[in-house]
N, C-alpha and C. Protein backbone atom coordinates (compact mmCIF):
# COMPACT_ATOMS: atom_id res chain seq x y z
N MET A 1 203.91 329.11 240.81
CA MET A 1 203.65 327.69 240.64
C MET A 1 202.23 327.35 241.09
N VAL A 2 201.78 327.95 242.19
CA VAL A 2 200.43 327.71 242.67
C VAL A 2 199.42 328.25 241.66
N ALA A 3 199.71 329.40 241.07
CA ALA A 3 198.80 329.98 240.09
C ALA A 3 198.63 329.05 238.89
N GLU A 4 199.73 328.41 238.45
CA GLU A 4 199.64 327.47 237.33
C GLU A 4 198.75 326.29 237.68
N GLY A 5 198.87 325.78 238.89
CA GLY A 5 198.03 324.68 239.34
C GLY A 5 196.57 325.06 239.35
N ASN A 6 196.27 326.27 239.80
CA ASN A 6 194.89 326.74 239.82
C ASN A 6 194.33 326.88 238.41
N ILE A 7 195.14 327.35 237.47
CA ILE A 7 194.69 327.47 236.09
C ILE A 7 194.39 326.10 235.50
N ALA A 8 195.28 325.14 235.74
CA ALA A 8 195.05 323.78 235.24
C ALA A 8 193.78 323.20 235.85
N GLU A 9 193.57 323.46 237.15
CA GLU A 9 192.37 322.95 237.82
C GLU A 9 191.12 323.59 237.23
N GLN A 10 191.16 324.90 236.94
CA GLN A 10 190.02 325.59 236.33
C GLN A 10 189.73 325.03 234.94
N ASN A 11 190.77 324.77 234.15
CA ASN A 11 190.58 324.21 232.81
C ASN A 11 189.96 322.82 232.88
N LEU A 12 190.40 321.99 233.83
CA LEU A 12 189.84 320.67 234.00
C LEU A 12 188.36 320.77 234.35
N THR A 13 188.02 321.68 235.26
CA THR A 13 186.63 321.86 235.65
C THR A 13 185.80 322.35 234.47
N THR A 14 186.36 323.28 233.68
CA THR A 14 185.66 323.78 232.51
C THR A 14 185.44 322.65 231.51
N ASN A 15 186.47 321.84 231.27
CA ASN A 15 186.35 320.71 230.35
C ASN A 15 185.31 319.71 230.85
N GLU A 16 185.33 319.40 232.14
CA GLU A 16 184.35 318.47 232.69
C GLU A 16 182.94 319.01 232.50
N SER A 17 182.74 320.29 232.77
CA SER A 17 181.44 320.91 232.61
C SER A 17 180.98 320.85 231.15
N GLU A 18 181.91 321.10 230.23
CA GLU A 18 181.58 321.03 228.81
C GLU A 18 181.20 319.61 228.41
N HIS A 19 181.90 318.62 228.96
CA HIS A 19 181.58 317.23 228.66
C HIS A 19 180.20 316.85 229.19
N VAL A 20 179.88 317.32 230.38
CA VAL A 20 178.57 317.02 230.95
C VAL A 20 177.48 317.65 230.08
N GLU A 21 177.68 318.90 229.69
CA GLU A 21 176.70 319.57 228.82
C GLU A 21 176.56 318.82 227.49
N ALA A 22 177.68 318.36 226.94
CA ALA A 22 177.64 317.61 225.68
C ALA A 22 176.87 316.30 225.86
N LEU A 23 177.07 315.63 226.99
CA LEU A 23 176.36 314.39 227.27
C LEU A 23 174.86 314.63 227.37
N LEU A 24 174.46 315.67 228.10
CA LEU A 24 173.05 315.96 228.25
C LEU A 24 172.41 316.36 226.92
N GLU A 25 173.13 317.12 226.11
CA GLU A 25 172.62 317.51 224.79
C GLU A 25 172.46 316.28 223.89
N ALA A 26 173.44 315.39 223.93
CA ALA A 26 173.36 314.17 223.11
C ALA A 26 172.15 313.33 223.53
N ALA A 27 171.93 313.19 224.84
CA ALA A 27 170.78 312.43 225.33
C ALA A 27 169.48 313.12 224.95
N ARG A 28 169.46 314.42 225.03
CA ARG A 28 168.25 315.18 224.69
C ARG A 28 167.88 315.04 223.22
N TYR A 29 168.89 315.08 222.35
CA TYR A 29 168.64 315.07 220.91
C TYR A 29 168.82 313.69 220.27
N ASN A 30 168.83 312.64 221.12
CA ASN A 30 168.83 311.26 220.65
C ASN A 30 170.05 310.90 219.82
N ASP A 31 171.21 311.38 220.25
CA ASP A 31 172.46 311.11 219.55
C ASP A 31 173.24 310.03 220.31
N ILE A 32 172.88 308.78 220.08
CA ILE A 32 173.46 307.66 220.81
C ILE A 32 174.96 307.56 220.59
N GLU A 33 175.43 307.88 219.37
CA GLU A 33 176.87 307.79 219.10
C GLU A 33 177.66 308.73 220.00
N ASP A 34 177.16 309.95 220.17
CA ASP A 34 177.85 310.89 221.06
C ASP A 34 177.80 310.45 222.51
N VAL A 35 176.67 309.90 222.94
CA VAL A 35 176.56 309.40 224.32
C VAL A 35 177.61 308.32 224.54
N ILE A 36 177.70 307.38 223.61
CA ILE A 36 178.67 306.28 223.73
C ILE A 36 180.10 306.82 223.69
N SER A 37 180.37 307.77 222.79
CA SER A 37 181.73 308.35 222.69
C SER A 37 182.13 309.06 223.97
N LEU A 38 181.22 309.82 224.55
CA LEU A 38 181.53 310.54 225.78
C LEU A 38 181.77 309.56 226.93
N ALA A 39 180.98 308.50 226.99
CA ALA A 39 181.21 307.47 228.02
C ALA A 39 182.58 306.82 227.82
N ALA A 40 182.96 306.61 226.57
CA ALA A 40 184.24 305.96 226.26
C ALA A 40 185.43 306.78 226.70
N ILE A 41 185.29 308.12 226.73
CA ILE A 41 186.42 308.96 227.17
C ILE A 41 186.37 309.23 228.67
N GLY A 42 185.42 308.58 229.35
CA GLY A 42 185.41 308.67 230.81
C GLY A 42 184.39 309.61 231.42
N VAL A 43 183.50 310.17 230.62
CA VAL A 43 182.45 311.02 231.19
C VAL A 43 181.45 310.11 231.89
N SER A 44 181.21 310.37 233.16
CA SER A 44 180.26 309.55 233.92
C SER A 44 178.86 309.73 233.37
N LEU A 45 178.18 308.62 233.12
CA LEU A 45 176.80 308.68 232.63
C LEU A 45 175.84 309.18 233.71
N ASN A 46 176.31 309.25 234.95
CA ASN A 46 175.50 309.80 236.05
C ASN A 46 175.79 311.28 236.30
N SER A 47 176.58 311.90 235.45
CA SER A 47 176.93 313.32 235.63
C SER A 47 175.67 314.18 235.67
N LYS A 48 175.74 315.23 236.49
CA LYS A 48 174.63 316.18 236.61
C LYS A 48 175.09 317.57 236.24
N ASP A 49 174.18 318.35 235.68
CA ASP A 49 174.47 319.76 235.44
C ASP A 49 174.11 320.56 236.68
N GLU A 50 174.21 321.88 236.61
CA GLU A 50 173.95 322.72 237.78
C GLU A 50 172.51 322.65 238.26
N GLU A 51 171.59 322.15 237.42
CA GLU A 51 170.20 321.99 237.82
C GLU A 51 169.88 320.56 238.26
N GLY A 52 170.92 319.74 238.34
CA GLY A 52 170.76 318.36 238.79
C GLY A 52 170.24 317.41 237.73
N ARG A 53 170.20 317.87 236.49
CA ARG A 53 169.69 317.03 235.40
C ARG A 53 170.78 316.06 234.94
N THR A 54 170.35 314.84 234.63
CA THR A 54 171.25 313.82 234.12
C THR A 54 170.89 313.51 232.67
N ALA A 55 171.72 312.71 232.03
CA ALA A 55 171.42 312.27 230.67
C ALA A 55 170.10 311.50 230.65
N LEU A 56 169.84 310.73 231.72
CA LEU A 56 168.58 309.97 231.78
C LEU A 56 167.38 310.91 231.88
N HIS A 57 167.51 312.00 232.60
CA HIS A 57 166.43 313.00 232.63
C HIS A 57 166.13 313.48 231.21
N MET A 58 167.20 313.84 230.49
CA MET A 58 167.02 314.43 229.16
C MET A 58 166.45 313.42 228.18
N ALA A 59 166.96 312.20 228.20
CA ALA A 59 166.46 311.16 227.29
C ALA A 59 165.01 310.82 227.62
N SER A 60 164.68 310.73 228.89
CA SER A 60 163.32 310.40 229.31
C SER A 60 162.34 311.50 228.94
N ALA A 61 162.75 312.73 229.15
CA ALA A 61 161.89 313.87 228.85
C ALA A 61 161.56 313.99 227.37
N ASN A 62 162.45 313.45 226.54
CA ASN A 62 162.29 313.60 225.10
C ASN A 62 161.91 312.29 224.41
N GLY A 63 161.62 311.25 225.18
CA GLY A 63 161.14 310.00 224.62
C GLY A 63 162.18 309.21 223.85
N ASN A 64 163.45 309.38 224.19
CA ASN A 64 164.53 308.71 223.48
C ASN A 64 164.82 307.34 224.11
N VAL A 65 164.01 306.36 223.73
CA VAL A 65 164.02 305.05 224.36
C VAL A 65 165.37 304.34 224.19
N ASP A 66 165.99 304.44 223.02
CA ASP A 66 167.27 303.75 222.83
C ASP A 66 168.33 304.28 223.80
N ILE A 67 168.33 305.58 224.02
CA ILE A 67 169.30 306.14 224.96
C ILE A 67 168.92 305.77 226.39
N VAL A 68 167.63 305.80 226.71
CA VAL A 68 167.19 305.36 228.04
C VAL A 68 167.66 303.93 228.28
N ASN A 69 167.45 303.07 227.31
CA ASN A 69 167.88 301.67 227.43
C ASN A 69 169.39 301.58 227.62
N TYR A 70 170.16 302.31 226.82
CA TYR A 70 171.62 302.29 226.94
C TYR A 70 172.06 302.75 228.33
N LEU A 71 171.49 303.85 228.80
CA LEU A 71 171.88 304.40 230.09
C LEU A 71 171.55 303.44 231.23
N ILE A 72 170.34 302.90 231.20
CA ILE A 72 169.94 301.99 232.27
C ILE A 72 170.76 300.71 232.22
N SER A 73 171.06 300.23 231.01
CA SER A 73 171.88 299.01 230.91
C SER A 73 173.32 299.26 231.38
N ASN A 74 173.70 300.54 231.48
CA ASN A 74 175.02 300.91 232.01
C ASN A 74 174.92 301.40 233.45
N ASN A 75 173.86 300.98 234.12
CA ASN A 75 173.69 301.16 235.57
C ASN A 75 173.64 302.61 236.04
N VAL A 76 173.00 303.48 235.27
CA VAL A 76 172.82 304.84 235.78
C VAL A 76 171.80 304.81 236.91
N ASP A 77 171.77 305.86 237.68
CA ASP A 77 170.83 305.98 238.78
C ASP A 77 169.45 306.36 238.23
N VAL A 78 168.52 305.42 238.20
CA VAL A 78 167.19 305.71 237.65
C VAL A 78 166.38 306.61 238.58
N ASN A 79 166.82 306.75 239.82
CA ASN A 79 166.14 307.61 240.78
C ASN A 79 166.85 308.93 241.01
N ALA A 80 167.76 309.29 240.12
CA ALA A 80 168.46 310.57 240.26
C ALA A 80 167.44 311.70 240.26
N CYS A 81 167.63 312.63 241.18
CA CYS A 81 166.71 313.76 241.30
C CYS A 81 167.40 315.05 240.87
N ASN A 82 166.63 315.88 240.17
CA ASN A 82 167.15 317.21 239.85
C ASN A 82 166.90 318.12 241.04
N VAL A 83 167.13 319.42 240.89
CA VAL A 83 166.99 320.34 242.02
C VAL A 83 165.56 320.43 242.53
N GLU A 84 164.58 320.03 241.72
CA GLU A 84 163.18 320.05 242.15
C GLU A 84 162.70 318.67 242.61
N ASN A 85 163.64 317.74 242.78
CA ASN A 85 163.35 316.36 243.17
C ASN A 85 162.57 315.58 242.13
N ASN A 86 162.66 315.99 240.88
CA ASN A 86 162.05 315.23 239.80
C ASN A 86 163.03 314.16 239.32
N THR A 87 162.52 312.94 239.15
CA THR A 87 163.30 311.85 238.59
C THR A 87 163.09 311.84 237.08
N PRO A 88 163.88 311.05 236.36
CA PRO A 88 163.61 310.90 234.93
C PRO A 88 162.19 310.39 234.64
N LEU A 89 161.66 309.53 235.51
CA LEU A 89 160.30 309.04 235.32
C LEU A 89 159.27 310.16 235.45
N HIS A 90 159.51 311.11 236.37
CA HIS A 90 158.62 312.27 236.46
C HIS A 90 158.56 312.97 235.10
N TRP A 91 159.74 313.19 234.50
CA TRP A 91 159.80 313.93 233.24
C TRP A 91 159.16 313.16 232.10
N ALA A 92 159.34 311.85 232.07
CA ALA A 92 158.70 311.04 231.02
C ALA A 92 157.18 311.12 231.15
N CYS A 93 156.68 311.04 232.39
CA CYS A 93 155.24 311.14 232.61
C CYS A 93 154.71 312.52 232.27
N LEU A 94 155.43 313.53 232.67
CA LEU A 94 155.00 314.91 232.40
C LEU A 94 154.88 315.17 230.90
N ASN A 95 155.77 314.55 230.11
CA ASN A 95 155.78 314.78 228.66
C ASN A 95 155.05 313.69 227.87
N GLY A 96 154.49 312.71 228.56
CA GLY A 96 153.65 311.71 227.90
C GLY A 96 154.39 310.70 227.06
N HIS A 97 155.61 310.35 227.43
CA HIS A 97 156.39 309.38 226.66
C HIS A 97 156.15 307.97 227.20
N ILE A 98 155.10 307.35 226.70
CA ILE A 98 154.62 306.07 227.22
C ILE A 98 155.67 304.97 227.09
N GLU A 99 156.36 304.88 225.97
CA GLU A 99 157.33 303.81 225.79
C GLU A 99 158.45 303.90 226.84
N VAL A 100 158.90 305.12 227.13
CA VAL A 100 159.92 305.32 228.17
C VAL A 100 159.33 304.96 229.53
N ILE A 101 158.12 305.41 229.77
CA ILE A 101 157.47 305.15 231.05
C ILE A 101 157.37 303.65 231.31
N LEU A 102 156.91 302.92 230.31
CA LEU A 102 156.76 301.48 230.49
C LEU A 102 158.10 300.79 230.70
N PHE A 103 159.11 301.24 229.98
CA PHE A 103 160.44 300.66 230.13
C PHE A 103 160.95 300.87 231.56
N VAL A 104 160.88 302.10 232.03
CA VAL A 104 161.35 302.41 233.39
C VAL A 104 160.40 301.79 234.42
N PHE A 105 159.13 301.84 234.10
CA PHE A 105 158.11 301.33 235.02
C PHE A 105 158.36 299.87 235.38
N TYR A 106 158.66 299.06 234.37
CA TYR A 106 158.90 297.66 234.64
C TYR A 106 160.12 297.48 235.54
N LEU A 107 161.07 298.39 235.45
CA LEU A 107 162.24 298.29 236.31
C LEU A 107 161.94 298.70 237.75
N LEU A 108 161.09 299.65 237.90
CA LEU A 108 160.82 300.20 239.24
C LEU A 108 159.51 299.71 239.85
N PHE A 109 158.73 298.99 239.06
CA PHE A 109 157.37 298.57 239.35
C PHE A 109 156.50 299.80 239.55
N PHE A 110 156.31 300.27 240.72
CA PHE A 110 155.46 301.43 240.89
C PHE A 110 156.23 302.46 241.70
N CYS A 111 156.71 303.50 241.03
CA CYS A 111 157.58 304.50 241.65
C CYS A 111 156.77 305.42 242.56
N CYS A 112 157.22 305.54 243.78
CA CYS A 112 156.54 306.40 244.75
C CYS A 112 157.34 307.66 245.03
N ASN A 113 158.33 307.94 244.21
CA ASN A 113 159.13 309.15 244.42
C ASN A 113 158.26 310.39 244.26
N ARG A 114 158.51 311.36 245.11
CA ARG A 114 157.76 312.62 245.05
C ARG A 114 158.73 313.76 244.80
N ASN A 115 158.28 314.70 243.97
CA ASN A 115 159.11 315.88 243.71
C ASN A 115 158.86 316.94 244.78
N GLN A 116 159.42 318.14 244.57
CA GLN A 116 159.29 319.19 245.59
C GLN A 116 157.84 319.64 245.76
N HIS A 117 156.98 319.30 244.82
CA HIS A 117 155.56 319.65 244.92
C HIS A 117 154.73 318.50 245.50
N GLU A 118 155.46 317.47 246.01
CA GLU A 118 154.86 316.27 246.60
C GLU A 118 154.04 315.48 245.58
N ARG A 119 154.46 315.53 244.30
CA ARG A 119 153.77 314.79 243.25
C ARG A 119 154.60 313.59 242.81
N THR A 120 153.91 312.48 242.59
CA THR A 120 154.54 311.31 242.00
C THR A 120 154.54 311.48 240.48
N PRO A 121 155.28 310.64 239.75
CA PRO A 121 155.21 310.70 238.30
C PRO A 121 153.78 310.54 237.77
N VAL A 122 153.00 309.67 238.41
CA VAL A 122 151.60 309.47 237.99
C VAL A 122 150.80 310.75 238.22
N ASP A 123 151.06 311.44 239.33
CA ASP A 123 150.39 312.72 239.58
C ASP A 123 150.67 313.70 238.45
N GLU A 124 151.94 313.76 238.01
CA GLU A 124 152.31 314.68 236.93
C GLU A 124 151.53 314.36 235.65
N ALA A 125 151.40 313.09 235.36
CA ALA A 125 150.64 312.69 234.16
C ALA A 125 149.18 313.11 234.29
N ALA A 126 148.59 312.87 235.45
CA ALA A 126 147.18 313.21 235.67
C ALA A 126 146.96 314.72 235.60
N ILE A 127 147.83 315.48 236.25
CA ILE A 127 147.71 316.94 236.24
C ILE A 127 147.84 317.48 234.82
N GLY A 128 148.71 316.85 234.04
CA GLY A 128 148.92 317.28 232.66
C GLY A 128 147.87 316.75 231.70
N GLY A 129 146.88 316.02 232.21
CA GLY A 129 145.82 315.50 231.35
C GLY A 129 146.28 314.40 230.42
N LYS A 130 147.34 313.71 230.79
CA LYS A 130 147.89 312.63 229.96
C LYS A 130 147.20 311.31 230.31
N MET A 131 145.94 311.20 229.94
CA MET A 131 145.17 310.01 230.28
C MET A 131 145.71 308.76 229.60
N ASP A 132 146.35 308.92 228.45
CA ASP A 132 146.97 307.76 227.80
C ASP A 132 148.11 307.22 228.65
N VAL A 133 148.80 308.10 229.36
CA VAL A 133 149.86 307.67 230.28
C VAL A 133 149.25 306.90 231.44
N ILE A 134 148.18 307.43 232.01
CA ILE A 134 147.50 306.76 233.14
C ILE A 134 147.00 305.39 232.70
N ASP A 135 146.39 305.33 231.50
CA ASP A 135 145.92 304.04 230.98
C ASP A 135 147.08 303.06 230.81
N ALA A 136 148.20 303.53 230.27
CA ALA A 136 149.36 302.67 230.06
C ALA A 136 149.89 302.15 231.40
N ILE A 137 149.94 303.01 232.41
CA ILE A 137 150.41 302.59 233.72
C ILE A 137 149.45 301.57 234.33
N ASN A 138 148.16 301.82 234.21
CA ASN A 138 147.18 300.86 234.73
C ASN A 138 147.32 299.50 234.04
N THR A 139 147.54 299.52 232.73
CA THR A 139 147.75 298.28 231.98
C THR A 139 149.01 297.58 232.46
N ALA A 140 150.06 298.34 232.66
CA ALA A 140 151.32 297.76 233.13
C ALA A 140 151.17 297.16 234.52
N VAL A 141 150.46 297.85 235.40
CA VAL A 141 150.22 297.33 236.75
C VAL A 141 149.47 296.01 236.66
N ALA A 142 148.44 295.98 235.83
CA ALA A 142 147.66 294.75 235.67
C ALA A 142 148.54 293.62 235.14
N GLN A 143 149.41 293.91 234.17
CA GLN A 143 150.31 292.89 233.63
C GLN A 143 151.27 292.37 234.68
N VAL A 144 151.83 293.27 235.47
CA VAL A 144 152.75 292.86 236.53
C VAL A 144 152.02 292.01 237.56
N GLU A 145 150.81 292.42 237.94
CA GLU A 145 150.05 291.66 238.92
C GLU A 145 149.67 290.29 238.39
N LEU A 146 149.31 290.19 237.11
CA LEU A 146 148.99 288.90 236.51
C LEU A 146 150.22 288.00 236.47
N THR A 147 151.37 288.58 236.16
CA THR A 147 152.62 287.81 236.12
C THR A 147 152.94 287.29 237.51
N ARG A 148 152.79 288.13 238.52
CA ARG A 148 153.08 287.71 239.89
C ARG A 148 152.12 286.61 240.34
N ALA A 149 150.84 286.73 239.93
CA ALA A 149 149.83 285.75 240.35
C ALA A 149 150.10 284.39 239.73
N SER A 150 150.68 284.38 238.54
CA SER A 150 150.90 283.10 237.87
C SER A 150 152.21 282.44 238.25
N VAL A 151 153.06 283.14 239.00
CA VAL A 151 154.37 282.59 239.40
C VAL A 151 154.23 281.64 240.55
C-alpha cells in the first residue's frame, strides 16, 4: 500500500514538472493560449524549473510583451530570481527587448536588483553593448521624473 502511494506521488511530481516545462515553453515561444490553458488547469504562473526560471523569465528574454502583460496582470513575482539571481528584467535587458523593459520598468521604476555577478539589469545592457536599451531607460527615467514633477 505504501508503494502505491509513492508511485502516485512520483506521477504527480512528474506531471507537475511536465506542466511547468510546458508553461515555460509556451511563454518562451509566445503561445498565449497555452499559457492561459495551463493557468486554467491550476498550474501556478509563478512555477519555477530546476534552474529557477519562471514563465516571466522566458517571456521577457524573448520579447513576448503580450505574455509579459498577461503574467504581470495575474500578479506573478516580477522580482523572481533564477539560480544566478537574474530577474526577468535582467534577461530582457541582456537580450535588448526594449518594449518589455519599458513595460516592466514602469512597474518597478528603477530596479536595483543584482545578479550573482553583482550586475543590475542596466549593467547587463551596457556590458552587452545595448545602447538602445540604455537610451530607452534614460528616456523612461526622464518621463517618470517629469510626471512626478508635474504632480
